[in-house]
PDB file of all heavy atoms in Angstrom:
ATOM      1  N   VAL A   1       0.834  -1.247   0.078  1.00  0.00           N
ATOM      2  CA  VAL A   1       0.038   0.111  -0.020  1.00  0.00           C
ATOM      3  C   VAL A   1       0.911   1.275   0.050  1.00  0.00           C
ATOM      4  O   VAL A   1       1.693   1.355   0.907  1.00  0.00           O
ATOM      5  CB  VAL A   1      -0.889   0.071   1.222  1.00  0.00           C
ATOM      6  CG1 VAL A   1      -1.773   1.344   1.397  1.00  0.00           C
ATOM      7  CG2 VAL A   1      -1.958  -1.140   1.143  1.00  0.00           C
ATOM      8  N   ASP A   2       0.591   2.143  -1.003  1.00  0.00           N
ATOM      9  CA  ASP A   2       1.239   3.423  -1.004  1.00  0.00           C
ATOM     10  C   ASP A   2       0.867   4.400   0.143  1.00  0.00           C
ATOM     11  O   ASP A   2      -0.313   4.278   0.506  1.00  0.00           O
ATOM     12  CB  ASP A   2       1.089   4.150  -2.267  1.00  0.00           C
ATOM     13  CG  ASP A   2       1.678   3.377  -3.545  1.00  0.00           C
ATOM     14  OD1 ASP A   2       2.629   2.586  -3.298  1.00  0.00           O
ATOM     15  OD2 ASP A   2       0.977   3.509  -4.664  1.00  0.00           O
ATOM     16  N   ASN A   3       1.743   5.047   0.804  1.00  0.00           N
ATOM     17  CA  ASN A   3       1.506   5.845   1.860  1.00  0.00           C
ATOM     18  C   ASN A   3       0.755   4.952   3.135  1.00  0.00           C
ATOM     19  O   ASN A   3      -0.128   5.510   3.707  1.00  0.00           O
ATOM     20  CB  ASN A   3       0.565   7.025   1.571  1.00  0.00           C
ATOM     21  CG  ASN A   3       1.442   8.236   1.081  1.00  0.00           C
ATOM     22  OD1 ASN A   3       2.591   8.310   1.413  1.00  0.00           O
ATOM     23  ND2 ASN A   3       0.719   9.200   0.435  1.00  0.00           N
ATOM     24  N   TYR A   4       1.339   3.861   3.298  1.00  0.00           N
ATOM     25  CA  TYR A   4       0.756   3.015   4.332  1.00  0.00           C
ATOM     26  C   TYR A   4       0.591   3.663   5.696  1.00  0.00           C
ATOM     27  O   TYR A   4      -0.250   3.481   6.429  1.00  0.00           O
ATOM     28  CB  TYR A   4       1.452   1.728   4.474  1.00  0.00           C
ATOM     29  CG  TYR A   4       1.060   0.802   5.550  1.00  0.00           C
ATOM     30  CD1 TYR A   4      -0.291   0.292   5.540  1.00  0.00           C
ATOM     31  CD2 TYR A   4       1.830   0.509   6.703  1.00  0.00           C
ATOM     32  CE1 TYR A   4      -0.665  -0.593   6.556  1.00  0.00           C
ATOM     33  CE2 TYR A   4       1.401  -0.253   7.641  1.00  0.00           C
ATOM     34  CZ  TYR A   4       0.159  -0.899   7.581  1.00  0.00           C
ATOM     35  OH  TYR A   4      -0.219  -1.659   8.618  1.00  0.00           O
ATOM     36  N   ASN A   5       1.731   4.397   6.090  1.00  0.00           N
ATOM     37  CA  ASN A   5       1.712   5.142   7.444  1.00  0.00           C
ATOM     38  C   ASN A   5       0.668   6.107   7.429  1.00  0.00           C
ATOM     39  O   ASN A   5       0.284   6.392   8.703  1.00  0.00           O
ATOM     40  CB  ASN A   5       3.122   5.742   7.677  1.00  0.00           C
ATOM     41  CG  ASN A   5       4.212   4.682   7.846  1.00  0.00           C
ATOM     42  OD1 ASN A   5       3.877   3.575   8.330  1.00  0.00           O
ATOM     43  ND2 ASN A   5       5.479   4.929   7.664  1.00  0.00           N
ATOM     44  N   ASP A   6       0.164   6.653   6.532  1.00  0.00           N
ATOM     45  CA  ASP A   6      -0.886   7.568   6.533  1.00  0.00           C
ATOM     46  C   ASP A   6      -2.298   7.073   6.258  1.00  0.00           C
ATOM     47  O   ASP A   6      -3.232   7.750   6.162  1.00  0.00           O
ATOM     48  CB  ASP A   6      -0.589   8.728   5.519  1.00  0.00           C
ATOM     49  CG  ASP A   6       0.606   9.508   5.858  1.00  0.00           C
ATOM     50  OD1 ASP A   6       0.927   9.628   7.063  1.00  0.00           O
ATOM     51  OD2 ASP A   6       1.305   9.932   4.989  1.00  0.00           O
ATOM     52  N   SER A   7      -2.379   5.742   6.016  1.00  0.00           N
ATOM     53  CA  SER A   7      -3.633   5.159   5.782  1.00  0.00           C
ATOM     54  C   SER A   7      -4.447   4.784   7.073  1.00  0.00           C
ATOM     55  O   SER A   7      -3.836   4.840   8.117  1.00  0.00           O
ATOM     56  CB  SER A   7      -3.491   3.858   4.848  1.00  0.00           C
ATOM     57  OG  SER A   7      -2.867   2.925   5.603  1.00  0.00           O
ATOM     58  N   GLY A   8      -5.712   4.399   6.884  1.00  0.00           N
ATOM     59  CA  GLY A   8      -6.466   3.893   8.060  1.00  0.00           C
ATOM     60  C   GLY A   8      -6.093   2.474   8.421  1.00  0.00           C
ATOM     61  O   GLY A   8      -6.639   2.137   9.499  1.00  0.00           O
ATOM     62  N   TRP A   9      -5.293   1.866   7.547  1.00  0.00           N
ATOM     63  CA  TRP A   9      -5.055   0.368   8.046  1.00  0.00           C
ATOM     64  C   TRP A   9      -4.397   0.262   9.347  1.00  0.00           C
ATOM     65  O   TRP A   9      -4.654  -0.665  10.005  1.00  0.00           O
ATOM     66  CB  TRP A   9      -4.289  -0.242   6.970  1.00  0.00           C
ATOM     67  CG  TRP A   9      -5.019  -0.580   5.801  1.00  0.00           C
ATOM     68  CD1 TRP A   9      -4.861  -0.038   4.575  1.00  0.00           C
ATOM     69  CD2 TRP A   9      -6.051  -1.778   5.669  1.00  0.00           C
ATOM     70  NE1 TRP A   9      -5.802  -0.687   3.702  1.00  0.00           N
ATOM     71  CE2 TRP A   9      -6.471  -1.590   4.302  1.00  0.00           C
ATOM     72  CE3 TRP A   9      -6.518  -2.598   6.563  1.00  0.00           C
ATOM     73  CZ2 TRP A   9      -7.442  -2.523   3.934  1.00  0.00           C
ATOM     74  CZ3 TRP A   9      -7.576  -3.377   6.146  1.00  0.00           C
ATOM     75  CH2 TRP A   9      -7.934  -3.399   4.760  1.00  0.00           C
ATOM     76  N   ARG A  10      -3.560   1.228   9.796  1.00  0.00           N
ATOM     77  CA  ARG A  10      -2.757   1.166  10.962  1.00  0.00           C
ATOM     78  C   ARG A  10      -3.890   1.095  12.139  1.00  0.00           C
ATOM     79  O   ARG A  10      -3.659   0.320  13.143  1.00  0.00           O
ATOM     80  CB  ARG A  10      -1.968   2.447  11.256  1.00  0.00           C
ATOM     81  CG  ARG A  10      -0.801   2.426  10.440  1.00  0.00           C
ATOM     82  CD  ARG A  10       0.384   1.852  11.157  1.00  0.00           C
ATOM     83  NE  ARG A  10       1.511   2.068  10.333  1.00  0.00           N
ATOM     84  CZ  ARG A  10       2.751   1.335  10.476  1.00  0.00           C
ATOM     85  NH1 ARG A  10       2.783   0.462  11.494  1.00  0.00           N
ATOM     86  NH2 ARG A  10       3.677   1.500   9.844  1.00  0.00           N
ATOM     87  N   TYR A  11      -5.061   1.833  12.142  1.00  0.00           N
ATOM     88  CA  TYR A  11      -6.045   1.824  13.200  1.00  0.00           C
ATOM     89  C   TYR A  11      -6.772   0.464  13.139  1.00  0.00           C
ATOM     90  O   TYR A  11      -7.092  -0.021  14.302  1.00  0.00           O
ATOM     91  CB  TYR A  11      -6.963   3.042  12.885  1.00  0.00           C
ATOM     92  CG  TYR A  11      -6.164   4.257  12.918  1.00  0.00           C
ATOM     93  CD1 TYR A  11      -6.126   5.091  11.783  1.00  0.00           C
ATOM     94  CD2 TYR A  11      -5.557   4.898  14.064  1.00  0.00           C
ATOM     95  CE1 TYR A  11      -5.449   6.280  11.708  1.00  0.00           C
ATOM     96  CE2 TYR A  11      -4.851   6.063  14.057  1.00  0.00           C
ATOM     97  CZ  TYR A  11      -4.679   6.737  12.878  1.00  0.00           C
ATOM     98  OH  TYR A  11      -4.142   7.975  12.787  1.00  0.00           O
ATOM     99  N   VAL A  12      -7.059   0.055  11.939  1.00  0.00           N
ATOM    100  CA  VAL A  12      -7.706  -1.340  11.952  1.00  0.00           C
ATOM    101  C   VAL A  12      -6.925  -2.356  12.578  1.00  0.00           C
ATOM    102  O   VAL A  12      -7.354  -3.223  13.440  1.00  0.00           O
ATOM    103  CB  VAL A  12      -8.048  -1.663  10.487  1.00  0.00           C
ATOM    104  CG1 VAL A  12      -8.587  -3.046  10.350  1.00  0.00           C
ATOM    105  CG2 VAL A  12      -9.039  -0.616   9.843  1.00  0.00           C
ATOM    106  N   LEU A  13      -5.661  -2.323  12.351  1.00  0.00           N
ATOM    107  CA  LEU A  13      -4.720  -3.363  12.852  1.00  0.00           C
ATOM    108  C   LEU A  13      -4.531  -3.196  14.359  1.00  0.00           C
ATOM    109  O   LEU A  13      -4.442  -4.280  15.045  1.00  0.00           O
ATOM    110  CB  LEU A  13      -3.500  -3.478  12.161  1.00  0.00           C
ATOM    111  CG  LEU A  13      -3.617  -3.879  10.598  1.00  0.00           C
ATOM    112  CD1 LEU A  13      -2.270  -3.763   9.926  1.00  0.00           C
ATOM    113  CD2 LEU A  13      -4.073  -5.260  10.607  1.00  0.00           C
ATOM    114  N   PHE A  14      -4.553  -2.010  14.878  1.00  0.00           N
ATOM    115  CA  PHE A  14      -4.386  -1.701  16.208  1.00  0.00           C
ATOM    116  C   PHE A  14      -5.665  -2.272  16.946  1.00  0.00           C
ATOM    117  O   PHE A  14      -5.521  -2.808  18.104  1.00  0.00           O
ATOM    118  CB  PHE A  14      -4.234  -0.176  16.490  1.00  0.00           C
ATOM    119  CG  PHE A  14      -4.001   0.080  17.936  1.00  0.00           C
ATOM    120  CD1 PHE A  14      -2.961  -0.360  18.735  1.00  0.00           C
ATOM    121  CD2 PHE A  14      -5.082   0.731  18.743  1.00  0.00           C
ATOM    122  CE1 PHE A  14      -2.906  -0.122  20.158  1.00  0.00           C
ATOM    123  CE2 PHE A  14      -4.964   1.023  20.003  1.00  0.00           C
ATOM    124  CZ  PHE A  14      -3.838   0.566  20.811  1.00  0.00           C
ATOM    125  N   VAL A  15      -6.858  -2.066  16.439  1.00  0.00           N
ATOM    126  CA  VAL A  15      -8.086  -2.668  16.884  1.00  0.00           C
ATOM    127  C   VAL A  15      -7.927  -4.214  16.982  1.00  0.00           C
ATOM    128  O   VAL A  15      -8.388  -4.801  17.913  1.00  0.00           O
ATOM    129  CB  VAL A  15      -9.262  -2.090  16.266  1.00  0.00           C
ATOM    130  CG1 VAL A  15     -10.566  -2.900  16.630  1.00  0.00           C
ATOM    131  CG2 VAL A  15      -9.502  -0.564  16.465  1.00  0.00           C
ATOM    132  N   MET A  16      -7.426  -4.711  15.949  1.00  0.00           N
ATOM    133  CA  MET A  16      -7.166  -6.160  15.921  1.00  0.00           C
ATOM    134  C   MET A  16      -6.422  -6.682  17.052  1.00  0.00           C
ATOM    135  O   MET A  16      -6.565  -7.659  17.716  1.00  0.00           O
ATOM    136  CB  MET A  16      -6.638  -6.557  14.666  1.00  0.00           C
ATOM    137  CG  MET A  16      -6.578  -8.014  14.303  1.00  0.00           C
ATOM    138  SD  MET A  16      -6.122  -8.291  12.613  1.00  0.00           S
ATOM    139  CE  MET A  16      -6.070 -10.118  12.551  1.00  0.00           C
ATOM    140  N   VAL A  17      -5.212  -5.867  17.420  1.00  0.00           N
ATOM    141  CA  VAL A  17      -4.350  -6.272  18.543  1.00  0.00           C
ATOM    142  C   VAL A  17      -5.228  -6.122  19.791  1.00  0.00           C
ATOM    143  O   VAL A  17      -5.079  -7.093  20.651  1.00  0.00           O
ATOM    144  CB  VAL A  17      -3.182  -5.272  18.509  1.00  0.00           C
ATOM    145  CG1 VAL A  17      -2.392  -5.397  19.834  1.00  0.00           C
ATOM    146  CG2 VAL A  17      -2.213  -5.572  17.465  1.00  0.00           C
ATOM    147  N   LEU A  18      -6.002  -5.102  19.961  1.00  0.00           N
ATOM    148  CA  LEU A  18      -6.847  -5.004  21.169  1.00  0.00           C
ATOM    149  C   LEU A  18      -7.743  -6.112  21.229  1.00  0.00           C
ATOM    150  O   LEU A  18      -8.036  -6.639  22.310  1.00  0.00           O
ATOM    151  CB  LEU A  18      -7.600  -3.648  21.051  1.00  0.00           C
ATOM    152  CG  LEU A  18      -6.778  -2.298  21.097  1.00  0.00           C
ATOM    153  CD1 LEU A  18      -7.693  -1.121  20.957  1.00  0.00           C
ATOM    154  CD2 LEU A  18      -5.804  -2.292  22.313  1.00  0.00           C
ATOM    155  N   VAL A  19      -8.337  -6.428  20.155  1.00  0.00           N
ATOM    156  CA  VAL A  19      -9.298  -7.694  20.149  1.00  0.00           C
ATOM    157  C   VAL A  19      -8.586  -8.904  20.626  1.00  0.00           C
ATOM    158  O   VAL A  19      -9.069  -9.735  21.401  1.00  0.00           O
ATOM    159  CB  VAL A  19      -9.905  -7.861  18.794  1.00  0.00           C
ATOM    160  CG1 VAL A  19     -10.550  -9.228  18.660  1.00  0.00           C
ATOM    161  CG2 VAL A  19     -10.958  -6.852  18.474  1.00  0.00           C
ATOM    162  N   GLY A  20      -7.265  -9.023  20.249  1.00  0.00           N
ATOM    163  CA  GLY A  20      -6.424 -10.274  20.671  1.00  0.00           C
ATOM    164  C   GLY A  20      -6.322 -10.245  22.115  1.00  0.00           C
ATOM    165  O   GLY A  20      -6.428 -11.330  22.734  1.00  0.00           O
ATOM    166  N   TYR A  21      -6.039  -9.157  22.842  1.00  0.00           N
ATOM    167  CA  TYR A  21      -5.978  -9.125  24.198  1.00  0.00           C
ATOM    168  C   TYR A  21      -7.210  -9.425  24.949  1.00  0.00           C
ATOM    169  O   TYR A  21      -7.320 -10.192  25.911  1.00  0.00           O
ATOM    170  CB  TYR A  21      -5.514  -7.645  24.690  1.00  0.00           C
ATOM    171  CG  TYR A  21      -4.092  -7.176  24.205  1.00  0.00           C
ATOM    172  CD1 TYR A  21      -3.930  -5.878  24.012  1.00  0.00           C
ATOM    173  CD2 TYR A  21      -3.103  -8.096  24.130  1.00  0.00           C
ATOM    174  CE1 TYR A  21      -2.648  -5.418  23.551  1.00  0.00           C
ATOM    175  CE2 TYR A  21      -1.885  -7.645  23.696  1.00  0.00           C
ATOM    176  CZ  TYR A  21      -1.608  -6.281  23.381  1.00  0.00           C
ATOM    177  OH  TYR A  21      -0.562  -6.015  22.936  1.00  0.00           O
ATOM    178  N   PHE A  22      -8.305  -8.820  24.317  1.00  0.00           N
ATOM    179  CA  PHE A  22      -9.742  -9.153  24.935  1.00  0.00           C
ATOM    180  C   PHE A  22     -10.003 -10.586  24.763  1.00  0.00           C
ATOM    181  O   PHE A  22     -10.567 -11.247  25.663  1.00  0.00           O
ATOM    182  CB  PHE A  22     -10.811  -8.239  24.237  1.00  0.00           C
ATOM    183  CG  PHE A  22     -12.135  -8.556  24.675  1.00  0.00           C
ATOM    184  CD1 PHE A  22     -12.656  -7.918  25.809  1.00  0.00           C
ATOM    185  CD2 PHE A  22     -12.930  -9.352  23.928  1.00  0.00           C
ATOM    186  CE1 PHE A  22     -13.894  -8.198  26.218  1.00  0.00           C
ATOM    187  CE2 PHE A  22     -14.190  -9.664  24.306  1.00  0.00           C
ATOM    188  CZ  PHE A  22     -14.683  -9.062  25.431  1.00  0.00           C
ATOM    189  N   VAL A  23      -9.789 -11.155  23.715  1.00  0.00           N
ATOM    190  CA  VAL A  23     -10.112 -12.557  23.417  1.00  0.00           C
ATOM    191  C   VAL A  23      -9.317 -13.500  24.312  1.00  0.00           C
ATOM    192  O   VAL A  23      -9.917 -14.522  24.913  1.00  0.00           O
ATOM    193  CB  VAL A  23      -9.883 -12.962  21.821  1.00  0.00           C
ATOM    194  CG1 VAL A  23      -9.887 -14.501  21.731  1.00  0.00           C
ATOM    195  CG2 VAL A  23     -10.982 -12.245  21.051  1.00  0.00           C
ATOM    196  N   ALA A  24      -8.093 -13.190  24.568  1.00  0.00           N
ATOM    197  CA  ALA A  24      -7.293 -13.946  25.570  1.00  0.00           C
ATOM    198  C   ALA A  24      -7.939 -13.915  26.850  1.00  0.00           C
ATOM    199  O   ALA A  24      -8.074 -15.039  27.587  1.00  0.00           O
ATOM    200  CB  ALA A  24      -5.899 -13.457  25.556  1.00  0.00           C
ATOM    201  N   GLY A  25      -8.331 -12.797  27.381  1.00  0.00           N
ATOM    202  CA  GLY A  25      -9.007 -12.587  28.612  1.00  0.00           C
ATOM    203  C   GLY A  25     -10.286 -13.298  28.720  1.00  0.00           C
ATOM    204  O   GLY A  25     -10.633 -13.974  29.756  1.00  0.00           O
ATOM    205  N   PHE A  26     -11.003 -13.170  27.609  1.00  0.00           N
ATOM    206  CA  PHE A  26     -12.321 -13.856  27.527  1.00  0.00           C
ATOM    207  C   PHE A  26     -12.268 -15.379  27.659  1.00  0.00           C
ATOM    208  O   PHE A  26     -13.015 -15.980  28.479  1.00  0.00           O
ATOM    209  CB  PHE A  26     -13.005 -13.414  26.245  1.00  0.00           C
ATOM    210  CG  PHE A  26     -14.522 -14.005  26.107  1.00  0.00           C
ATOM    211  CD1 PHE A  26     -15.520 -13.423  26.686  1.00  0.00           C
ATOM    212  CD2 PHE A  26     -14.748 -15.226  25.528  1.00  0.00           C
ATOM    213  CE1 PHE A  26     -16.879 -13.751  26.601  1.00  0.00           C
ATOM    214  CE2 PHE A  26     -15.945 -15.692  25.360  1.00  0.00           C
ATOM    215  CZ  PHE A  26     -17.143 -14.967  25.831  1.00  0.00           C
ATOM    216  N   LEU A  27     -11.361 -15.909  26.918  1.00  0.00           N
ATOM    217  CA  LEU A  27     -11.177 -17.332  27.032  1.00  0.00           C
ATOM    218  C   LEU A  27     -10.594 -17.884  28.395  1.00  0.00           C
ATOM    219  O   LEU A  27     -11.109 -18.856  28.862  1.00  0.00           O
ATOM    220  CB  LEU A  27     -10.185 -17.813  25.932  1.00  0.00           C
ATOM    221  CG  LEU A  27     -10.742 -17.638  24.425  1.00  0.00           C
ATOM    222  CD1 LEU A  27      -9.631 -18.055  23.530  1.00  0.00           C
ATOM    223  CD2 LEU A  27     -12.013 -18.504  24.328  1.00  0.00           C
ATOM    224  N   ALA A  28      -9.710 -17.111  29.051  1.00  0.00           N
ATOM    225  CA  ALA A  28      -9.314 -17.401  30.329  1.00  0.00           C
ATOM    226  C   ALA A  28     -10.428 -17.299  31.375  1.00  0.00           C
ATOM    227  O   ALA A  28     -10.533 -18.168  32.261  1.00  0.00           O
ATOM    228  CB  ALA A  28      -8.115 -16.448  30.790  1.00  0.00           C
ATOM    229  N   GLY A  29     -11.314 -16.283  31.249  1.00  0.00           N
ATOM    230  CA  GLY A  29     -12.361 -16.174  32.170  1.00  0.00           C
ATOM    231  C   GLY A  29     -13.403 -17.324  31.947  1.00  0.00           C
ATOM    232  O   GLY A  29     -14.043 -17.725  32.964  1.00  0.00           O
ATOM    233  N   ARG A  30     -13.603 -17.646  30.797  1.00  0.00           N
ATOM    234  CA  ARG A  30     -14.554 -18.654  30.400  1.00  0.00           C
ATOM    235  C   ARG A  30     -14.084 -20.032  31.045  1.00  0.00           C
ATOM    236  O   ARG A  30     -14.937 -20.820  31.463  1.00  0.00           O
ATOM    237  CB  ARG A  30     -14.765 -18.760  28.970  1.00  0.00           C
ATOM    238  CG  ARG A  30     -15.907 -19.359  28.510  1.00  0.00           C
ATOM    239  CD  ARG A  30     -16.174 -19.215  27.092  1.00  0.00           C
ATOM    240  NE  ARG A  30     -17.440 -19.856  26.776  1.00  0.00           N
ATOM    241  CZ  ARG A  30     -17.975 -19.797  25.518  1.00  0.00           C
ATOM    242  NH1 ARG A  30     -17.270 -19.326  24.468  1.00  0.00           N
ATOM    243  NH2 ARG A  30     -19.034 -20.375  25.160  1.00  0.00           N
ATOM    244  N   ARG A  31     -12.767 -20.323  30.856  1.00  0.00           N
ATOM    245  CA  ARG A  31     -12.209 -21.648  31.410  1.00  0.00           C
ATOM    246  C   ARG A  31     -12.069 -21.584  32.876  1.00  0.00           C
ATOM    247  O   ARG A  31     -12.025 -22.679  33.374  1.00  0.00           O
ATOM    248  CB  ARG A  31     -10.943 -21.925  30.662  1.00  0.00           C
ATOM    249  CG  ARG A  31     -11.064 -22.093  29.174  1.00  0.00           C
ATOM    250  CD  ARG A  31      -9.731 -22.389  28.541  1.00  0.00           C
ATOM    251  NE  ARG A  31      -9.947 -23.579  27.783  1.00  0.00           N
ATOM    252  CZ  ARG A  31      -9.020 -24.655  27.767  1.00  0.00           C
ATOM    253  NH1 ARG A  31      -7.875 -24.497  28.472  1.00  0.00           N
ATOM    254  NH2 ARG A  31      -9.291 -25.632  26.962  1.00  0.00           N
ATOM    255  N   ALA A  32     -11.961 -20.515  33.493  1.00  0.00           N
ATOM    256  CA  ALA A  32     -11.680 -20.358  34.986  1.00  0.00           C
ATOM    257  C   ALA A  32     -12.534 -19.282  35.542  1.00  0.00           C
ATOM    258  O   ALA A  32     -12.028 -18.187  35.883  1.00  0.00           O
ATOM    259  CB  ALA A  32     -10.225 -20.236  35.227  1.00  0.00           C
ATOM    260  N   PRO A  33     -13.781 -19.433  35.519  1.00  0.00           N
ATOM    261  CA  PRO A  33     -14.658 -18.350  35.977  1.00  0.00           C
ATOM    262  C   PRO A  33     -14.461 -17.858  37.536  1.00  0.00           C
ATOM    263  O   PRO A  33     -14.757 -16.803  37.929  1.00  0.00           O
ATOM    264  CB  PRO A  33     -16.101 -18.730  35.766  1.00  0.00           C
ATOM    265  CG  PRO A  33     -15.966 -20.200  35.700  1.00  0.00           C
ATOM    266  CD  PRO A  33     -14.652 -20.485  35.174  1.00  0.00           C
ATOM    267  N   GLY A  34     -13.876 -18.705  38.274  1.00  0.00           N
ATOM    268  CA  GLY A  34     -13.674 -18.517  39.666  1.00  0.00           C
ATOM    269  C   GLY A  34     -12.538 -17.395  39.821  1.00  0.00           C
ATOM    270  O   GLY A  34     -12.569 -16.734  40.973  1.00  0.00           O
ATOM    271  N   GLY A  35     -11.733 -17.189  38.983  1.00  0.00           N
ATOM    272  CA  GLY A  35     -10.645 -16.187  39.077  1.00  0.00           C
ATOM    273  C   GLY A  35     -10.559 -15.420  37.820  1.00  0.00           C
ATOM    274  O   GLY A  35      -9.573 -15.275  37.225  1.00  0.00           O
ATOM    275  N   ALA A  36     -11.683 -14.914  37.359  1.00  0.00           N
ATOM    276  CA  ALA A  36     -11.826 -14.332  36.047  1.00  0.00           C
ATOM    277  C   ALA A  36     -10.854 -13.106  35.860  1.00  0.00           C
ATOM    278  O   ALA A  36     -10.160 -13.024  34.862  1.00  0.00           O
ATOM    279  CB  ALA A  36     -13.275 -13.962  35.748  1.00  0.00           C
ATOM    280  N   LEU A  37     -10.915 -12.236  36.841  1.00  0.00           N
ATOM    281  CA  LEU A  37     -10.078 -10.968  36.741  1.00  0.00           C
ATOM    282  C   LEU A  37      -8.560 -11.470  36.702  1.00  0.00           C
ATOM    283  O   LEU A  37      -7.775 -10.914  35.806  1.00  0.00           O
ATOM    284  CB  LEU A  37     -10.259 -10.002  37.864  1.00  0.00           C
ATOM    285  CG  LEU A  37     -11.637  -9.302  37.823  1.00  0.00           C
ATOM    286  CD1 LEU A  37     -11.748  -8.526  39.073  1.00  0.00           C
ATOM    287  CD2 LEU A  37     -11.606  -8.326  36.656  1.00  0.00           C
TER     288      LEU A  37
END
């Protein structure tokens, strides 16, 4: 992508990283609800 640093893709991928952190926590809480936090 030309001008990648100025494109909106950076924000989309940052949100994808945030989703990765959330999903990791979600799965851990689902597997161990007694110590979810």
